[in-house]
């Protein structure tokens, strides 16, 4: 399912985290800019490591997940 959705999340976050983000309606890293980390962490399948990797990817593009 997740494989069929066009997204630009880092592969390193893993399938469960990617699936959780897609299921929640996120398909672009830029959509997470400004979204609190605690909200992303609350998604079933997203753990602290995935949040850290997403924060790093956002920071590399001048965005942030507070």
N, C-alpha and C. Protein backbone atom coordinates (compact mmCIF):
# COMPACT_ATOMS: atom_id res chain seq x y z
N UNK A 1 0.81 -1.19 0.00
CA UNK A 1 0.00 0.00 0.00
C UNK A 1 0.86 1.26 0.00
N UNK A 2 1.75 1.36 0.97
CA UNK A 2 2.62 2.52 1.06
C UNK A 2 3.49 2.64 -0.17
N UNK A 3 3.84 1.48 -0.75
CA UNK A 3 4.69 1.49 -1.93
C UNK A 3 4.00 2.17 -3.11
N UNK A 4 2.67 2.16 -3.12
CA UNK A 4 1.90 2.73 -4.21
C UNK A 4 1.71 4.24 -4.09
N UNK A 5 2.03 4.79 -2.92
CA UNK A 5 1.83 6.22 -2.68
C UNK A 5 3.13 6.96 -2.93
N UNK A 6 3.04 8.03 -3.69
CA UNK A 6 4.21 8.86 -3.97
C UNK A 6 4.48 9.72 -2.74
N UNK A 7 5.64 9.51 -2.13
CA UNK A 7 6.04 10.29 -0.96
C UNK A 7 7.52 10.59 -1.06
N UNK A 8 7.98 11.54 -0.25
CA UNK A 8 9.41 11.87 -0.28
C UNK A 8 10.07 11.75 1.09
N UNK A 9 9.54 10.86 1.94
CA UNK A 9 10.14 10.66 3.25
C UNK A 9 11.42 9.85 3.13
N UNK A 10 12.38 10.09 4.02
CA UNK A 10 13.61 9.29 3.98
C UNK A 10 13.29 7.81 4.19
N UNK A 11 13.91 6.96 3.40
CA UNK A 11 13.68 5.52 3.53
C UNK A 11 14.10 5.01 4.90
N UNK A 12 15.03 5.71 5.52
CA UNK A 12 15.58 5.27 6.80
C UNK A 12 14.57 5.31 7.94
N UNK A 13 13.43 5.98 7.77
CA UNK A 13 12.46 6.02 8.86
C UNK A 13 11.70 4.70 8.99
N UNK A 14 11.76 3.87 7.97
CA UNK A 14 11.12 2.56 8.02
C UNK A 14 9.69 2.56 7.49
N UNK A 15 9.25 1.35 7.15
CA UNK A 15 7.91 1.19 6.59
C UNK A 15 6.79 1.53 7.56
N UNK A 16 6.88 1.09 8.83
CA UNK A 16 5.77 1.42 9.74
C UNK A 16 5.56 2.93 9.88
N UNK A 17 6.65 3.68 10.02
CA UNK A 17 6.54 5.13 10.16
C UNK A 17 6.02 5.77 8.87
N UNK A 18 6.54 5.31 7.75
CA UNK A 18 6.07 5.84 6.46
C UNK A 18 4.59 5.56 6.29
N UNK A 19 4.18 4.34 6.59
CA UNK A 19 2.77 3.98 6.48
C UNK A 19 1.88 4.82 7.39
N UNK A 20 2.36 5.07 8.60
CA UNK A 20 1.58 5.88 9.55
C UNK A 20 1.42 7.31 9.04
N UNK A 21 2.49 7.86 8.50
CA UNK A 21 2.44 9.23 7.97
C UNK A 21 1.48 9.32 6.78
N UNK A 22 1.60 8.37 5.86
CA UNK A 22 0.72 8.37 4.69
C UNK A 22 -0.74 8.19 5.12
N UNK A 23 -0.97 7.28 6.05
CA UNK A 23 -2.33 7.04 6.54
C UNK A 23 -2.91 8.31 7.19
N UNK A 24 -2.05 9.10 7.81
CA UNK A 24 -2.49 10.35 8.45
C UNK A 24 -2.64 11.49 7.44
N UNK A 25 -2.30 11.23 6.17
CA UNK A 25 -2.50 12.24 5.14
C UNK A 25 -1.26 13.00 4.72
N UNK A 26 -0.12 12.63 5.27
CA UNK A 26 1.14 13.28 4.90
C UNK A 26 1.81 12.50 3.78
N UNK A 27 2.19 13.19 2.71
CA UNK A 27 2.93 12.53 1.63
C UNK A 27 4.20 13.28 1.27
N UNK A 28 4.38 14.46 1.83
CA UNK A 28 5.57 15.27 1.55
C UNK A 28 6.22 15.68 2.86
N UNK A 29 7.53 15.64 2.88
CA UNK A 29 8.29 16.05 4.05
C UNK A 29 7.91 17.48 4.44
N UNK A 30 7.72 18.33 3.45
CA UNK A 30 7.39 19.74 3.72
C UNK A 30 6.08 19.90 4.48
N UNK A 31 5.18 18.93 4.40
CA UNK A 31 3.92 19.00 5.13
C UNK A 31 4.14 18.88 6.64
N UNK A 32 5.30 18.38 7.03
CA UNK A 32 5.60 18.22 8.46
C UNK A 32 6.26 19.46 9.05
N UNK A 33 6.58 20.44 8.21
CA UNK A 33 7.19 21.68 8.69
C UNK A 33 6.23 22.37 9.66
N UNK A 34 6.67 22.53 10.90
CA UNK A 34 5.86 23.19 11.91
C UNK A 34 4.95 22.28 12.71
N UNK A 35 4.82 21.02 12.28
CA UNK A 35 4.00 20.07 13.03
C UNK A 35 4.78 19.65 14.28
N UNK A 36 4.18 19.75 15.45
CA UNK A 36 4.91 19.37 16.67
C UNK A 36 5.33 17.90 16.64
N UNK A 37 6.55 17.64 17.08
CA UNK A 37 7.08 16.28 17.11
C UNK A 37 6.17 15.36 17.92
N UNK A 38 5.58 15.87 18.98
CA UNK A 38 4.72 15.03 19.83
C UNK A 38 3.50 14.54 19.05
N UNK A 39 3.01 15.34 18.09
CA UNK A 39 1.87 14.93 17.28
C UNK A 39 2.27 13.80 16.32
N UNK A 40 3.45 13.92 15.75
CA UNK A 40 3.94 12.88 14.84
C UNK A 40 4.24 11.61 15.63
N UNK A 41 4.84 11.76 16.79
CA UNK A 41 5.17 10.63 17.64
C UNK A 41 3.91 9.89 18.11
N UNK A 42 2.80 10.58 18.19
CA UNK A 42 1.54 9.97 18.62
C UNK A 42 0.95 9.04 17.56
N UNK A 43 1.44 9.13 16.32
CA UNK A 43 0.93 8.25 15.26
C UNK A 43 1.44 6.83 15.50
N UNK A 44 0.54 5.86 15.44
CA UNK A 44 0.92 4.46 15.64
C UNK A 44 1.88 4.03 14.53
N UNK A 45 3.07 3.61 14.92
CA UNK A 45 4.08 3.19 13.96
C UNK A 45 5.25 4.15 13.87
N UNK A 46 5.11 5.32 14.47
CA UNK A 46 6.19 6.32 14.45
C UNK A 46 6.85 6.35 15.83
N UNK A 47 8.15 6.08 15.86
CA UNK A 47 8.89 6.09 17.11
C UNK A 47 9.86 7.25 17.18
N UNK A 48 10.57 7.35 18.30
CA UNK A 48 11.51 8.46 18.50
C UNK A 48 12.62 8.53 17.43
N UNK A 49 13.09 7.38 16.98
CA UNK A 49 14.15 7.38 15.96
C UNK A 49 13.63 7.94 14.64
N UNK A 50 12.42 7.57 14.25
CA UNK A 50 11.83 8.10 13.02
C UNK A 50 11.64 9.61 13.12
N UNK A 51 11.20 10.08 14.27
CA UNK A 51 11.02 11.52 14.47
C UNK A 51 12.36 12.23 14.35
N UNK A 52 13.39 11.67 14.96
CA UNK A 52 14.72 12.27 14.87
C UNK A 52 15.19 12.35 13.42
N UNK A 53 15.00 11.28 12.67
CA UNK A 53 15.42 11.27 11.26
C UNK A 53 14.61 12.27 10.44
N UNK A 54 13.34 12.39 10.73
CA UNK A 54 12.50 13.38 10.03
C UNK A 54 12.94 14.80 10.38
N UNK A 55 13.26 15.03 11.65
CA UNK A 55 13.74 16.35 12.06
C UNK A 55 15.04 16.70 11.34
N UNK A 56 15.93 15.74 11.21
CA UNK A 56 17.20 15.98 10.50
C UNK A 56 16.95 16.29 9.03
N UNK A 57 16.05 15.54 8.41
CA UNK A 57 15.73 15.77 7.00
C UNK A 57 15.09 17.14 6.80
N UNK A 58 14.21 17.51 7.70
CA UNK A 58 13.59 18.84 7.63
C UNK A 58 14.63 19.94 7.80
N UNK A 59 15.50 19.79 8.78
CA UNK A 59 16.54 20.79 9.05
C UNK A 59 17.45 20.97 7.84
N UNK A 60 17.75 19.89 7.14
CA UNK A 60 18.61 19.96 5.96
C UNK A 60 17.97 20.81 4.86
N UNK A 61 16.65 20.98 4.93
CA UNK A 61 15.93 21.77 3.93
C UNK A 61 15.44 23.10 4.50
N UNK A 62 15.95 23.46 5.67
CA UNK A 62 15.59 24.74 6.28
C UNK A 62 14.22 24.76 6.94
N UNK A 63 13.71 23.58 7.26
CA UNK A 63 12.41 23.48 7.92
C UNK A 63 12.62 22.85 9.30
N UNK A 64 11.54 22.82 10.09
CA UNK A 64 11.69 22.21 11.40
C UNK A 64 10.40 21.57 11.90
N UNK A 65 10.59 20.63 12.78
CA UNK A 65 9.50 19.98 13.50
C UNK A 65 9.75 20.27 14.97
N UNK A 66 9.03 21.25 15.53
CA UNK A 66 9.31 21.64 16.93
C UNK A 66 8.93 20.56 17.93
